[in-house]
Amino acid sequence: MRTMREVMGRLSLPVMAVMAIAVGSAYAQDARKADVDVHGVAAKRKMQDSSGPSPVGGIEMMQAINPKSPPMSKEEFEIGKKIYFERCAGCHGVLRKGATGKPLTTDITIERGSEYLRTFINYGSAGGMPNWGTSGTLSEKEVDIMTRYVQHEPPMPPEYGMKEMEATWKVYVKPQDRPTKQMNNLDLPNLFSVTLRDAGKIALIDGATKKIVQILNTGYAVHISRMSKSGRYLFVIGRDAKIVMIDMWMKEPTPVAEIKVGLEARSVETSKFKGYEDKIAIAGTYWPPQYVIMDGDTLKPRKIIGTRGMTSDTNEYHPEPRVAAIVSSHYKPEFLVNAKETGVVHMVNYSDLENLKITMIKTPRFLHDGGMESTGRYFMDAANASDKIAVIDTKESKLAAVVNVGKTPHPGRGANFVHPKFGPVWATGHLGDETVSLIGTDPKKNPANAWKVVQTLKAAGGGQLFLKTHPKSKNLWVDAPLNPDPKISQAIAVFDINDLDKGFELLPIGEWAGVKDGAKRVVQPEYNKAGDEVWFSVWSGAGEESAIVVVDDKTRKLKAVIKDPQLITPTGKFNVYNTQNDVY
């Protein structure tokens, strides 16, 4: 039910069933041999559910009963709740009022009826609904429970405010007790923070030696790492909404503060505007739908701002606009905060926290990820389920353009390069088709090409999550980890920027890794500081061997393979310098 997208009419979902890092632990932990058919269709469906369970499901909630609904015992309701938050909440929302998926409120589900719901839960659909019953993921009893569960009122999780945050806030080393200069010999600009998703840890890996410097405990299902503007502090946030702040100047990189800012989260960022470097931090949550502003040196919570409000298109109230990407402006002391379901970008001016000024930018709905174009002025913001890119002018604090792209854009932070014909462009791949859209980004020198798709490339397709290049590179790398064909999901497509019409070369990264078993899906290219190496995660399950493969960017040849039993489900890799300076 995680991606119930074509349950006729009101129950149809957009293709955006796969979110953020969609290669999570559920695939490895739940996959069964019976799920993989000769064409790989079942495997693809599994991957569509693989962003991992919501931590909100572990919170105690009161059973809600609708008298018009089929009866359920308390025990059955608890089973249904657990399954819902593991499989469904990511798309349909905690309150089932629609997130990236359509609503599953009782007025809809009761009208459809038990037999109707049971069929779709059991068999799925060609449009993307996983076949939970026939794949063996859910038993016949569990299918029956879910059929009844979605016809009962959704339980309400608790709110999470300043009192709860302060109770979790810890400062392990006070700012005055920290070093005034770097106390280790690490080449910090070329260090990589690597997400070990299912281990709840990160690995710090030296970009030159390829050695693991340190493994640090963080939190459940780490999502991203972000560097402070100075490059001193590393901020890590997991799906459990726990932020860990690491001081990279200490003799050994050490957590110096932490806080839990909600029940489920994805995003953290720090202030980058001149004069405010490292002073302010911000994090957004999926539940409750809000974001919190903190002191940048201690994570002390200062302000909480809710995102509940009216949708940008229909002006209907939405109770659960989850906070997705957050980026820091280089032109003003502002953060750009994506309220996913309402389609509103909050431009939060942090120069005066006591008199907070927020500019609300209306964009297409279902905002997810995105990044800056090459000058750092314009934020290229993906509204995935709307198949559009919103262009936000961070200097003027306004919407500059809306660009129609392919099916379900998922750029990560995107890729910037100079097109031989059209000038500066920013690229995004798509979850829903095999294309890469190149958007012109130079309204001054190339106004005719600005804010339009100037070229569409055909990539490997079948579920592209990330693409990457570098200012010193002539290559564009595009992954496809959700493709049902292992030859593609275990490989990387690479384009020559100076000859894009030639098409892509497919490199067997998974084979180069020398990993024997597992999915071996290739995920998230990331460059080193020099821009002459590109790193790939070869992702397998929590109980299987994974690896990181390093490729020479110029020759496209294998350069190194990093293996270690501690590298459990490595996913996102964040080079310190590139993350610090928005190089992508």
Protein backbone atom coordinates (compact mmCIF):
# COMPACT_ATOMS: atom_id res chain seq x y z
CA MET A 1 0.00 0.00 0.00
CA ARG A 2 3.01 2.25 0.12
CA THR A 3 2.48 3.28 -3.46
CA MET A 4 -1.23 2.81 -4.03
CA ARG A 5 -1.32 5.02 -7.02
CA GLU A 6 -3.98 3.79 -9.34
CA VAL A 7 -6.81 2.78 -7.09
CA MET A 8 -9.18 4.32 -9.59
CA GLY A 9 -9.96 7.95 -9.65
CA ARG A 10 -9.58 9.40 -6.20
CA LEU A 11 -7.27 6.61 -5.08
CA SER A 12 -4.75 7.02 -7.88
CA LEU A 13 -1.23 8.05 -6.94
CA PRO A 14 1.46 9.86 -8.86
CA VAL A 15 4.57 7.96 -9.80
CA MET A 16 6.28 9.67 -6.89
CA ALA A 17 6.16 6.61 -4.76
CA VAL A 18 9.94 6.57 -4.47
CA MET A 19 11.35 9.36 -2.34
CA ALA A 20 14.68 10.84 -1.38
CA ILE A 21 17.10 7.94 -1.07
CA ALA A 22 14.76 5.25 -2.27
CA VAL A 23 17.19 2.45 -1.75
CA GLY A 24 16.55 1.72 1.90
CA SER A 25 16.58 -1.25 4.18
CA ALA A 26 13.12 -2.62 3.51
CA TYR A 27 14.28 -4.18 0.25
CA ALA A 28 17.05 -6.14 1.84
CA GLN A 29 15.15 -7.10 4.95
CA ASP A 30 11.90 -8.09 3.31
CA ALA A 31 12.86 -9.39 -0.12
CA ARG A 32 12.10 -13.04 -0.83
CA LYS A 33 13.23 -15.24 -3.67
CA ALA A 34 9.64 -15.53 -4.87
CA ASP A 35 9.55 -11.77 -5.45
CA VAL A 36 12.06 -11.84 -8.31
CA ASP A 37 10.68 -12.94 -11.62
CA VAL A 38 12.48 -13.35 -14.91
CA HIS A 39 11.76 -9.79 -15.94
CA GLY A 40 12.57 -8.27 -12.59
CA VAL A 41 9.13 -6.67 -12.25
CA ALA A 42 8.58 -7.82 -8.69
CA ALA A 43 12.05 -6.67 -7.75
CA LYS A 44 11.28 -3.22 -9.07
CA ARG A 45 8.10 -3.10 -7.02
CA LYS A 46 10.12 -4.02 -3.97
CA MET A 47 12.50 -1.17 -4.62
CA GLN A 48 9.60 1.22 -4.90
CA ASP A 49 8.80 0.42 -1.30
CA SER A 50 12.34 0.58 -0.11
CA SER A 51 12.64 4.03 1.38
CA GLY A 52 12.21 2.41 4.78
CA PRO A 53 9.63 2.47 7.54
CA SER A 54 8.53 5.66 9.23
CA PRO A 55 9.81 5.98 12.80
CA VAL A 56 6.46 7.56 13.70
CA GLY A 57 4.95 4.08 13.73
CA GLY A 58 6.70 3.26 16.99
CA ILE A 59 4.94 6.08 18.84
CA GLU A 60 1.98 5.20 21.06
CA MET A 61 -1.29 6.42 19.56
CA MET A 62 -4.94 6.02 20.51
CA GLN A 63 -7.08 3.68 18.43
CA ALA A 64 -9.68 5.55 16.43
CA ILE A 65 -12.89 3.74 15.51
CA ASN A 66 -15.35 4.59 12.76
CA PRO A 67 -18.75 2.94 13.41
CA LYS A 68 -19.29 2.56 9.66
CA SER A 69 -16.07 0.59 9.31
CA PRO A 70 -15.60 -3.18 9.50
CA PRO A 71 -14.81 -4.27 13.06
CA MET A 72 -11.22 -4.54 14.29
CA SER A 73 -9.77 -5.71 17.56
CA LYS A 74 -7.19 -3.59 19.35
CA GLU A 75 -4.55 -6.17 18.47
CA GLU A 76 -5.48 -6.06 14.78
CA PHE A 77 -5.46 -2.26 14.82
CA GLU A 78 -1.92 -2.26 16.22
CA ILE A 79 -0.80 -4.68 13.49
CA GLY A 80 -2.43 -2.46 10.87
CA LYS A 81 -0.77 0.64 12.30
CA LYS A 82 2.65 -1.01 12.19
CA ILE A 83 2.22 -2.09 8.57
CA TYR A 84 0.86 1.30 7.54
CA PHE A 85 3.83 3.18 8.92
CA GLU A 86 6.25 0.70 7.41
CA ARG A 87 4.65 0.65 3.96
CA CYS A 88 2.17 3.42 3.36
CA ALA A 89 2.80 6.61 5.34
CA GLY A 90 5.63 7.81 3.12
CA CYS A 91 3.21 8.50 0.27
CA HIS A 92 -0.21 8.83 1.86
CA GLY A 93 0.87 10.78 4.94
CA VAL A 94 0.56 10.15 8.64
CA LEU A 95 -3.05 11.37 8.66
CA ARG A 96 -3.88 9.75 5.31
CA LYS A 97 -5.04 13.05 3.90
CA GLY A 98 -2.72 12.79 0.96
CA ALA A 99 0.92 13.59 0.72
CA THR A 100 2.61 12.67 -2.52
CA GLY A 101 -0.06 9.98 -2.76
CA LYS A 102 -3.81 10.55 -2.87
CA PRO A 103 -5.92 10.58 0.30
CA LEU A 104 -6.93 7.36 2.05
CA THR A 105 -9.48 9.00 4.31
CA THR A 106 -12.47 6.98 5.47
CA ASP A 107 -14.96 8.79 3.24
CA ILE A 108 -13.04 7.36 0.27
CA THR A 109 -12.05 3.94 1.55
CA ILE A 110 -15.45 3.04 3.03
CA GLU A 111 -17.11 4.04 -0.23
CA ARG A 112 -14.76 1.77 -2.20
CA GLY A 113 -15.43 -1.17 0.08
CA SER A 114 -13.47 -4.11 1.41
CA GLU A 115 -13.39 -6.30 -1.69
CA TYR A 116 -12.19 -3.46 -3.85
CA LEU A 117 -9.38 -2.55 -1.44
CA ARG A 118 -8.40 -6.17 -0.87
CA THR A 119 -7.91 -6.75 -4.59
CA PHE A 120 -5.49 -3.88 -5.00
CA ILE A 121 -3.57 -4.63 -1.83
CA ASN A 122 -3.27 -8.25 -2.91
CA TYR A 123 -2.48 -7.95 -6.59
CA GLY A 124 -1.16 -4.44 -7.06
CA SER A 125 -1.27 -2.75 -10.44
CA ALA A 126 0.91 -2.14 -13.45
CA GLY A 127 0.93 1.53 -12.52
CA GLY A 128 3.12 0.98 -9.48
CA MET A 129 1.04 -0.46 -6.68
CA PRO A 130 3.14 -3.32 -5.20
CA ASN A 131 1.51 -6.74 -5.11
CA TRP A 132 1.74 -7.09 -1.35
CA GLY A 133 -0.31 -10.26 -1.13
CA THR A 134 0.80 -12.29 -4.10
CA SER A 135 4.48 -11.40 -3.54
CA GLY A 136 4.30 -12.91 -0.06
CA THR A 137 5.24 -9.66 1.65
CA LEU A 138 1.89 -9.57 3.43
CA SER A 139 0.09 -12.71 4.52
CA GLU A 140 -3.57 -13.29 3.72
CA LYS A 141 -4.38 -12.28 7.31
CA GLU A 142 -2.33 -9.09 7.02
CA VAL A 143 -4.00 -8.16 3.74
CA ASP A 144 -7.36 -8.57 5.45
CA ILE A 145 -6.21 -6.43 8.39
CA MET A 146 -5.02 -3.65 6.09
CA THR A 147 -8.25 -3.80 4.12
CA ARG A 148 -10.12 -3.00 7.32
CA TYR A 149 -7.49 -0.70 8.85
CA VAL A 150 -7.69 1.92 6.10
CA GLN A 151 -11.45 2.09 6.64
CA HIS A 152 -10.90 3.24 10.24
CA GLU A 153 -9.92 6.74 11.31
CA PRO A 154 -6.14 7.23 11.35
CA PRO A 155 -4.58 7.55 14.80
CA MET A 156 -3.08 10.94 15.62
CA PRO A 157 0.60 10.98 16.63
CA PRO A 158 1.59 13.47 19.32
CA GLU A 159 2.91 16.92 18.53
CA TYR A 160 6.54 17.72 19.26
CA GLY A 161 7.37 21.19 20.52
CA MET A 162 10.00 23.19 22.35
CA LYS A 163 9.58 21.26 25.61
CA GLU A 164 10.21 17.93 23.89
CA MET A 165 13.18 19.28 21.93
CA GLU A 166 14.85 20.79 24.95
CA ALA A 167 14.49 17.50 26.81
CA THR A 168 16.65 15.80 24.17
CA TRP A 169 19.16 18.62 23.65
CA LYS A 170 22.69 17.73 24.75
CA VAL A 171 25.95 19.67 24.49
CA TYR A 172 28.85 17.29 25.04
CA VAL A 173 31.60 19.85 24.52
CA LYS A 174 30.84 23.53 25.08
CA PRO A 175 32.01 26.00 22.41
CA GLN A 176 34.55 27.58 24.77
CA ASP A 177 36.08 24.15 25.42
CA ARG A 178 36.60 23.32 21.75
CA PRO A 179 39.90 23.88 19.91
CA THR A 180 40.63 27.19 18.20
CA LYS A 181 42.39 25.46 15.31
CA GLN A 182 42.35 22.06 13.60
CA MET A 183 44.00 19.56 15.96
CA ASN A 184 44.31 16.63 13.55
CA ASN A 185 46.17 16.03 10.30
CA LEU A 186 43.10 15.14 8.26
CA ASP A 187 42.71 16.64 4.81
CA LEU A 188 39.24 17.86 5.71
CA PRO A 189 38.28 19.35 2.32
CA ASN A 190 38.77 15.96 0.70
CA LEU A 191 37.08 13.94 3.43
CA PHE A 192 33.85 12.06 2.64
CA SER A 193 30.94 11.62 5.03
CA VAL A 194 29.31 8.35 3.96
CA THR A 195 25.83 7.34 5.13
CA LEU A 196 25.72 3.80 6.54
CA ARG A 197 21.98 3.74 6.35
CA ASP A 198 20.93 0.54 8.09
CA ALA A 199 23.68 0.75 10.69
CA GLY A 200 22.57 4.19 11.94
CA LYS A 201 26.12 5.47 11.46
CA ILE A 202 28.35 7.49 9.17
CA ALA A 203 31.82 6.64 7.95
CA LEU A 204 34.43 9.35 7.49
CA ILE A 205 36.69 8.27 4.61
CA ASP A 206 39.91 9.95 3.49
CA GLY A 207 39.63 10.93 -0.16
CA ALA A 208 43.34 10.36 -0.89
CA THR A 209 44.10 7.13 0.98
CA LYS A 210 40.58 5.68 0.67
CA LYS A 211 40.90 4.60 4.32
CA ILE A 212 38.10 4.77 6.87
CA VAL A 213 39.15 7.44 9.34
CA GLN A 214 36.31 6.94 11.77
CA ILE A 215 32.86 5.41 12.21
CA LEU A 216 30.44 7.50 14.25
CA ASN A 217 27.06 6.56 15.71
CA THR A 218 24.31 8.92 14.60
CA GLY A 219 20.67 7.83 14.40
CA TYR A 220 18.10 5.73 12.60
CA ALA A 221 18.33 5.68 8.79
CA VAL A 222 20.73 8.58 8.28
CA HIS A 223 19.48 10.75 5.45
CA ILE A 224 22.00 13.50 4.73
CA SER A 225 25.20 15.15 5.90
CA ARG A 226 25.69 18.91 5.67
CA MET A 227 28.81 20.97 6.31
CA SER A 228 28.91 24.34 7.97
CA LYS A 229 30.17 27.20 5.80
CA SER A 230 33.58 27.17 7.50
CA GLY A 231 33.98 23.45 6.91
CA ARG A 232 34.44 22.84 10.62
CA TYR A 233 31.12 21.32 11.69
CA LEU A 234 29.39 18.34 10.14
CA PHE A 235 25.64 18.02 10.71
CA VAL A 236 23.96 14.65 10.26
CA ILE A 237 20.21 13.97 10.44
CA GLY A 238 18.36 10.66 10.27
CA ARG A 239 14.74 9.72 9.76
CA ASP A 240 14.27 9.66 13.53
CA ALA A 241 14.83 13.45 13.44
CA LYS A 242 17.98 13.20 15.53
CA ILE A 243 20.68 15.71 14.62
CA VAL A 244 24.29 15.01 15.53
CA MET A 245 26.79 17.88 15.29
CA ILE A 246 30.41 16.77 14.79
CA ASP A 247 33.45 19.02 15.36
CA MET A 248 35.96 18.11 12.64
CA TRP A 249 38.75 20.19 14.28
CA MET A 250 39.14 17.99 17.34
CA LYS A 251 41.95 15.45 17.61
CA GLU A 252 39.42 12.93 16.41
CA PRO A 253 36.18 14.18 14.82
CA THR A 254 33.82 14.15 17.78
CA PRO A 255 30.08 14.70 18.34
CA VAL A 256 29.79 17.89 20.39
CA ALA A 257 26.01 18.35 20.42
CA GLU A 258 22.80 16.58 19.49
CA ILE A 259 19.05 17.12 19.54
CA LYS A 260 15.90 15.36 18.41
CA VAL A 261 13.71 17.88 16.58
CA GLY A 262 10.64 15.75 15.87
CA LEU A 263 9.43 12.22 15.21
CA GLU A 264 10.49 11.93 11.57
CA ALA A 265 12.73 14.15 9.46
CA ARG A 266 14.91 14.46 6.35
CA SER A 267 16.70 17.82 6.21
CA VAL A 268 19.26 19.98 8.00
CA GLU A 269 21.23 23.03 6.84
CA THR A 270 23.42 25.85 8.23
CA SER A 271 23.76 29.56 7.51
CA LYS A 272 26.14 30.50 4.66
CA PHE A 273 25.56 34.22 4.07
CA LYS A 274 28.60 36.41 4.73
CA GLY A 275 28.73 37.50 8.36
CA TYR A 276 26.48 34.63 9.51
CA GLU A 277 28.73 31.67 8.73
CA ASP A 278 28.15 28.79 11.17
CA LYS A 279 25.91 30.93 13.39
CA ILE A 280 22.50 29.43 12.59
CA ALA A 281 21.26 25.89 11.93
CA ILE A 282 17.86 24.74 10.72
CA ALA A 283 16.12 21.38 10.42
CA GLY A 284 12.77 20.36 8.97
CA THR A 285 10.54 17.47 9.96
CA TYR A 286 8.00 15.21 8.32
CA TRP A 287 6.16 14.90 11.61
CA PRO A 288 5.10 17.20 13.03
CA PRO A 289 5.05 19.32 9.86
CA GLN A 290 7.38 22.11 10.97
CA TYR A 291 10.97 23.35 11.05
CA VAL A 292 13.16 24.57 13.88
CA ILE A 293 15.88 27.25 13.93
CA MET A 294 18.82 26.56 16.25
CA ASP A 295 22.10 28.09 17.37
CA GLY A 296 24.75 26.90 14.95
CA ASP A 297 27.38 26.10 17.59
CA THR A 298 25.24 24.22 20.12
CA LEU A 299 21.94 23.21 18.41
CA LYS A 300 20.01 25.09 21.08
CA PRO A 301 16.44 25.38 19.69
CA ARG A 302 15.33 28.98 19.22
CA LYS A 303 12.24 29.07 16.98
CA ILE A 304 9.70 26.52 15.73
CA ILE A 305 7.61 27.34 12.65
CA GLY A 306 4.72 25.17 11.49
CA THR A 307 4.01 24.51 7.81
CA ARG A 308 0.31 23.59 8.02
CA GLY A 309 -1.68 25.78 5.71
CA MET A 310 -3.26 26.26 2.30
CA THR A 311 -2.13 24.58 -0.90
CA SER A 312 -0.59 26.81 -3.56
CA ASP A 313 -3.00 25.79 -6.32
CA THR A 314 -6.46 25.19 -4.82
CA ASN A 315 -6.14 27.08 -1.53
CA GLU A 316 -7.29 24.02 0.39
CA TYR A 317 -6.06 23.42 3.91
CA HIS A 318 -3.48 20.66 4.24
CA PRO A 319 -2.69 19.32 7.71
CA GLU A 320 0.61 17.66 6.87
CA PRO A 321 2.97 19.60 4.57
CA ARG A 322 6.21 17.75 5.23
CA VAL A 323 9.49 19.65 5.11
CA ALA A 324 11.73 18.28 2.39
CA ALA A 325 14.84 20.04 1.08
CA ILE A 326 16.33 23.06 2.84
CA VAL A 327 19.06 25.17 1.21
CA SER A 328 20.95 28.24 2.37
CA SER A 329 20.98 31.44 0.30
CA HIS A 330 24.30 33.03 -0.68
CA TYR A 331 22.63 36.37 -1.44
CA LYS A 332 20.70 37.04 1.76
CA PRO A 333 20.62 35.74 5.34
CA GLU A 334 17.84 33.35 4.32
CA PHE A 335 16.98 29.68 4.25
CA LEU A 336 14.75 28.21 1.56
CA VAL A 337 12.43 25.61 3.09
CA ASN A 338 10.31 23.26 0.94
CA ALA A 339 6.81 22.57 2.29
CA LYS A 340 6.20 19.55 0.13
CA GLU A 341 2.42 19.04 0.00
CA THR A 342 1.34 22.70 -0.09
CA GLY A 343 3.83 23.74 -2.79
CA VAL A 344 5.07 26.69 -0.76
CA VAL A 345 8.72 27.69 -0.34
CA HIS A 346 9.37 29.46 2.95
CA MET A 347 12.18 31.99 2.55
CA VAL A 348 13.20 32.43 6.17
CA ASN A 349 15.28 35.51 7.03
CA TYR A 350 17.41 34.66 10.07
CA SER A 351 18.95 38.11 10.63
CA ASP A 352 16.47 38.85 13.44
CA LEU A 353 15.11 35.73 15.14
CA GLU A 354 13.00 37.75 17.55
CA ASN A 355 11.13 39.39 14.67
CA LEU A 356 11.29 36.58 12.15
CA LYS A 357 10.48 37.50 8.56
CA ILE A 358 9.26 34.75 6.23
CA THR A 359 8.51 35.28 2.53
CA MET A 360 6.08 32.70 1.12
CA ILE A 361 6.70 31.69 -2.51
CA LYS A 362 3.92 29.78 -4.26
CA THR A 363 5.15 27.05 -6.60
CA PRO A 364 3.76 23.81 -8.04
CA ARG A 365 2.96 21.24 -5.35
CA PHE A 366 4.91 18.30 -4.04
CA LEU A 367 8.24 20.02 -3.62
CA HIS A 368 11.03 17.61 -2.87
CA ASP A 369 14.72 18.15 -3.69
CA GLY A 370 16.88 20.47 -5.76
CA GLY A 371 19.99 22.62 -5.80
CA MET A 372 21.55 25.88 -6.93
CA GLU A 373 22.51 26.64 -10.51
CA SER A 374 26.17 27.47 -11.12
CA THR A 375 26.09 31.10 -9.90
CA GLY A 376 24.35 30.20 -6.63
CA ARG A 377 21.60 32.74 -7.24
CA TYR A 378 18.75 30.53 -8.45
CA PHE A 379 17.39 27.52 -6.58
CA MET A 380 16.24 24.80 -8.99
CA ASP A 381 13.44 23.19 -6.99
CA ALA A 382 11.85 19.90 -8.07
CA ALA A 383 8.08 19.61 -7.71
CA ASN A 384 8.20 15.89 -8.44
CA ALA A 385 4.58 14.82 -8.72
CA SER A 386 3.82 17.94 -10.77
CA ASP A 387 6.60 17.12 -13.27
CA LYS A 388 8.03 20.63 -12.95
CA ILE A 389 11.07 22.55 -11.77
CA ALA A 390 10.39 25.79 -9.92
CA VAL A 391 13.14 28.40 -10.29
CA ILE A 392 13.50 30.56 -7.16
CA ASP A 393 15.49 33.81 -7.37
CA THR A 394 17.28 33.99 -4.01
CA LYS A 395 18.51 37.53 -4.67
CA GLU A 396 15.06 38.96 -5.35
CA SER A 397 13.19 36.43 -3.14
CA LYS A 398 10.65 35.54 -5.81
CA LEU A 399 9.59 32.85 -8.27
CA ALA A 400 11.51 33.38 -11.50
CA ALA A 401 10.04 30.60 -13.65
CA VAL A 402 8.34 27.21 -13.77
CA VAL A 403 9.81 24.66 -16.18
CA ASN A 404 8.00 21.57 -17.46
CA VAL A 405 10.29 18.54 -17.41
CA GLY A 406 9.96 14.74 -17.58
CA LYS A 407 8.02 12.35 -15.33
CA THR A 408 8.76 12.81 -11.64
CA PRO A 409 12.04 14.75 -11.57
CA HIS A 410 14.46 13.63 -8.85
CA PRO A 411 17.67 15.65 -9.25
CA GLY A 412 19.22 15.30 -5.82
CA ARG A 413 21.02 18.61 -6.00
CA GLY A 414 21.27 18.42 -9.78
CA ALA A 415 24.28 18.91 -12.05
CA ASN A 416 25.70 22.15 -13.50
CA PHE A 417 27.83 22.40 -16.62
CA VAL A 418 28.40 24.53 -19.72
CA HIS A 419 26.61 23.07 -22.73
CA PRO A 420 28.64 23.43 -25.96
CA LYS A 421 25.64 24.97 -27.73
CA PHE A 422 23.25 26.37 -25.10
CA GLY A 423 25.63 27.72 -22.47
CA PRO A 424 25.22 27.10 -18.72
CA VAL A 425 22.65 24.42 -17.90
CA TRP A 426 21.36 22.54 -14.86
CA ALA A 427 20.35 18.91 -15.22
CA THR A 428 17.80 16.64 -13.57
CA GLY A 429 17.00 12.98 -14.02
CA HIS A 430 13.57 11.42 -13.46
CA LEU A 431 12.04 8.56 -11.54
CA GLY A 432 9.22 8.11 -14.01
CA ASP A 433 11.02 7.98 -17.37
CA GLU A 434 14.45 7.44 -18.94
CA THR A 435 15.23 11.08 -19.72
CA VAL A 436 17.56 13.75 -18.38
CA SER A 437 16.33 17.33 -18.78
CA LEU A 438 18.88 20.10 -19.39
CA ILE A 439 17.59 23.55 -18.39
CA GLY A 440 19.27 26.78 -19.47
CA THR A 441 20.31 28.89 -16.46
CA ASP A 442 21.91 32.06 -17.85
CA PRO A 443 19.27 34.80 -18.25
CA LYS A 444 21.95 37.50 -18.82
CA LYS A 445 24.17 36.11 -21.58
CA ASN A 446 21.82 33.44 -22.93
CA PRO A 447 18.31 34.83 -22.36
CA ALA A 448 16.78 32.83 -25.21
CA ASN A 449 17.71 29.59 -23.46
CA ALA A 450 16.99 30.63 -19.89
CA TRP A 451 14.47 28.66 -17.81
CA LYS A 452 13.52 26.20 -20.54
CA VAL A 453 14.52 22.65 -21.41
CA VAL A 454 17.14 23.12 -24.12
CA GLN A 455 17.90 19.41 -24.60
CA THR A 456 16.54 16.07 -23.44
CA LEU A 457 18.93 13.15 -23.10
CA LYS A 458 17.94 9.49 -23.16
CA ALA A 459 19.57 7.73 -20.19
CA ALA A 460 19.30 4.16 -18.88
CA GLY A 461 16.04 4.99 -17.07
CA GLY A 462 13.80 2.86 -14.92
CA GLY A 463 14.28 4.88 -11.78
CA GLN A 464 17.05 7.50 -11.78
CA LEU A 465 17.86 8.92 -8.37
CA PHE A 466 20.98 11.05 -8.77
CA LEU A 467 23.25 12.57 -11.36
CA LYS A 468 26.51 14.45 -10.98
CA THR A 469 29.26 16.37 -12.69
CA HIS A 470 31.99 18.78 -11.59
CA PRO A 471 33.28 22.14 -12.91
CA LYS A 472 36.57 20.42 -13.87
CA SER A 473 34.90 17.40 -15.47
CA LYS A 474 33.69 16.69 -18.99
CA ASN A 475 31.46 13.84 -17.82
CA LEU A 476 27.86 13.63 -16.64
CA TRP A 477 27.13 10.55 -14.50
CA VAL A 478 23.55 9.25 -14.09
CA ASP A 479 22.53 6.31 -11.88
CA ALA A 480 19.48 4.05 -12.32
CA PRO A 481 19.28 1.92 -9.15
CA LEU A 482 15.56 1.22 -9.51
CA ASN A 483 15.78 -0.23 -12.99
CA PRO A 484 14.47 -3.84 -12.96
CA ASP A 485 17.34 -5.01 -15.17
CA PRO A 486 20.38 -5.83 -12.97
CA LYS A 487 22.73 -4.98 -15.84
CA ILE A 488 21.48 -1.39 -15.58
CA SER A 489 20.82 -1.06 -11.84
CA GLN A 490 24.35 -2.36 -11.18
CA ALA A 491 25.91 0.06 -13.64
CA ILE A 492 26.27 3.80 -14.27
CA ALA A 493 25.49 5.77 -17.41
CA VAL A 494 28.09 8.39 -18.33
CA PHE A 495 27.75 11.11 -21.00
CA ASP A 496 30.45 13.19 -22.67
CA ILE A 497 29.34 16.78 -22.05
CA ASN A 498 31.02 17.93 -25.27
CA ASP A 499 29.27 15.27 -27.36
CA LEU A 500 25.92 14.61 -25.71
CA ASP A 501 24.31 13.39 -28.93
CA LYS A 502 26.60 10.36 -28.86
CA GLY A 503 24.59 8.90 -26.02
CA PHE A 504 25.86 7.26 -22.86
CA GLU A 505 28.42 4.62 -22.04
CA LEU A 506 27.33 2.04 -19.46
CA LEU A 507 30.05 1.12 -16.96
CA PRO A 508 29.70 -2.08 -14.88
CA ILE A 509 30.37 -0.54 -11.47
CA GLY A 510 28.76 -3.42 -9.58
CA GLU A 511 30.97 -5.93 -11.38
CA TRP A 512 34.06 -3.82 -10.67
CA ALA A 513 33.21 -3.87 -6.96
CA GLY A 514 33.78 -7.61 -6.74
CA VAL A 515 30.72 -8.05 -4.52
CA LYS A 516 29.45 -11.62 -4.81
CA ASP A 517 25.87 -11.48 -3.48
CA GLY A 518 23.15 -8.88 -3.02
CA ALA A 519 21.36 -6.33 -5.17
CA LYS A 520 24.62 -4.46 -5.96
CA ARG A 521 22.66 -1.39 -6.99
CA VAL A 522 24.81 1.59 -7.92
CA VAL A 523 23.76 4.74 -6.10
CA GLN A 524 24.71 8.42 -5.94
CA PRO A 525 27.83 9.59 -7.74
CA GLU A 526 29.97 12.04 -5.76
CA TYR A 527 33.20 13.81 -6.73
CA ASN A 528 36.32 14.39 -4.71
CA LYS A 529 37.50 17.96 -4.16
CA ALA A 530 39.84 17.96 -7.17
CA GLY A 531 37.10 16.77 -9.49
CA ASP A 532 39.24 13.98 -10.95
CA GLU A 533 37.56 11.07 -9.14
CA VAL A 534 33.92 10.05 -8.85
CA TRP A 535 32.74 7.73 -6.05
CA PHE A 536 29.80 5.32 -6.26
CA SER A 537 28.00 3.25 -3.64
CA VAL A 538 27.47 -0.37 -4.62
CA TRP A 539 24.48 -0.98 -2.42
CA SER A 540 23.38 -4.33 -1.07
CA GLY A 541 21.32 -5.31 1.95
CA ALA A 542 22.19 -4.95 5.62
CA GLY A 543 23.34 -8.57 5.84
CA GLU A 544 25.24 -8.54 2.56
CA GLU A 545 28.53 -7.09 1.37
CA SER A 546 28.50 -3.57 -0.04
CA ALA A 547 31.33 -1.43 -1.40
CA ILE A 548 32.38 1.98 -2.65
CA VAL A 549 33.89 2.11 -6.12
CA VAL A 550 36.18 4.98 -7.16
CA VAL A 551 36.49 5.75 -10.88
CA ASP A 552 39.00 7.96 -12.65
CA ASP A 553 36.87 10.72 -14.13
CA LYS A 554 39.12 11.36 -17.13
CA THR A 555 39.74 7.77 -18.22
CA ARG A 556 36.49 6.24 -16.86
CA LYS A 557 38.61 3.36 -15.54
CA LEU A 558 38.44 1.69 -12.12
CA LYS A 559 40.74 3.36 -9.65
CA ALA A 560 39.91 1.81 -6.27
CA VAL A 561 37.41 -0.35 -4.39
CA ILE A 562 36.71 0.35 -0.73
CA LYS A 563 35.44 -2.62 1.25
CA ASP A 564 35.00 -3.10 4.96
CA PRO A 565 32.53 -5.11 7.09
CA GLN A 566 31.52 -1.81 8.66
CA LEU A 567 30.33 -0.39 5.31
CA ILE A 568 26.71 -1.46 5.81
CA THR A 569 24.33 -0.15 3.13
CA PRO A 570 26.46 2.86 2.13
CA THR A 571 24.22 5.31 0.32
CA GLY A 572 24.82 9.07 0.31
CA LYS A 573 28.42 10.25 0.09
CA PHE A 574 29.14 13.88 0.86
CA ASN A 575 32.54 15.35 0.08
CA VAL A 576 33.30 18.04 2.66
CA TYR A 577 34.49 20.71 0.21
CA ASN A 578 31.77 20.14 -2.37
CA THR A 579 29.01 20.08 0.23
CA GLN A 580 30.43 23.13 1.99
CA ASN A 581 30.56 25.16 -1.24
CA ASP A 582 27.54 23.81 -3.16
CA VAL A 583 29.69 22.28 -5.90
CA TYR A 584 27.62 19.99 -8.11
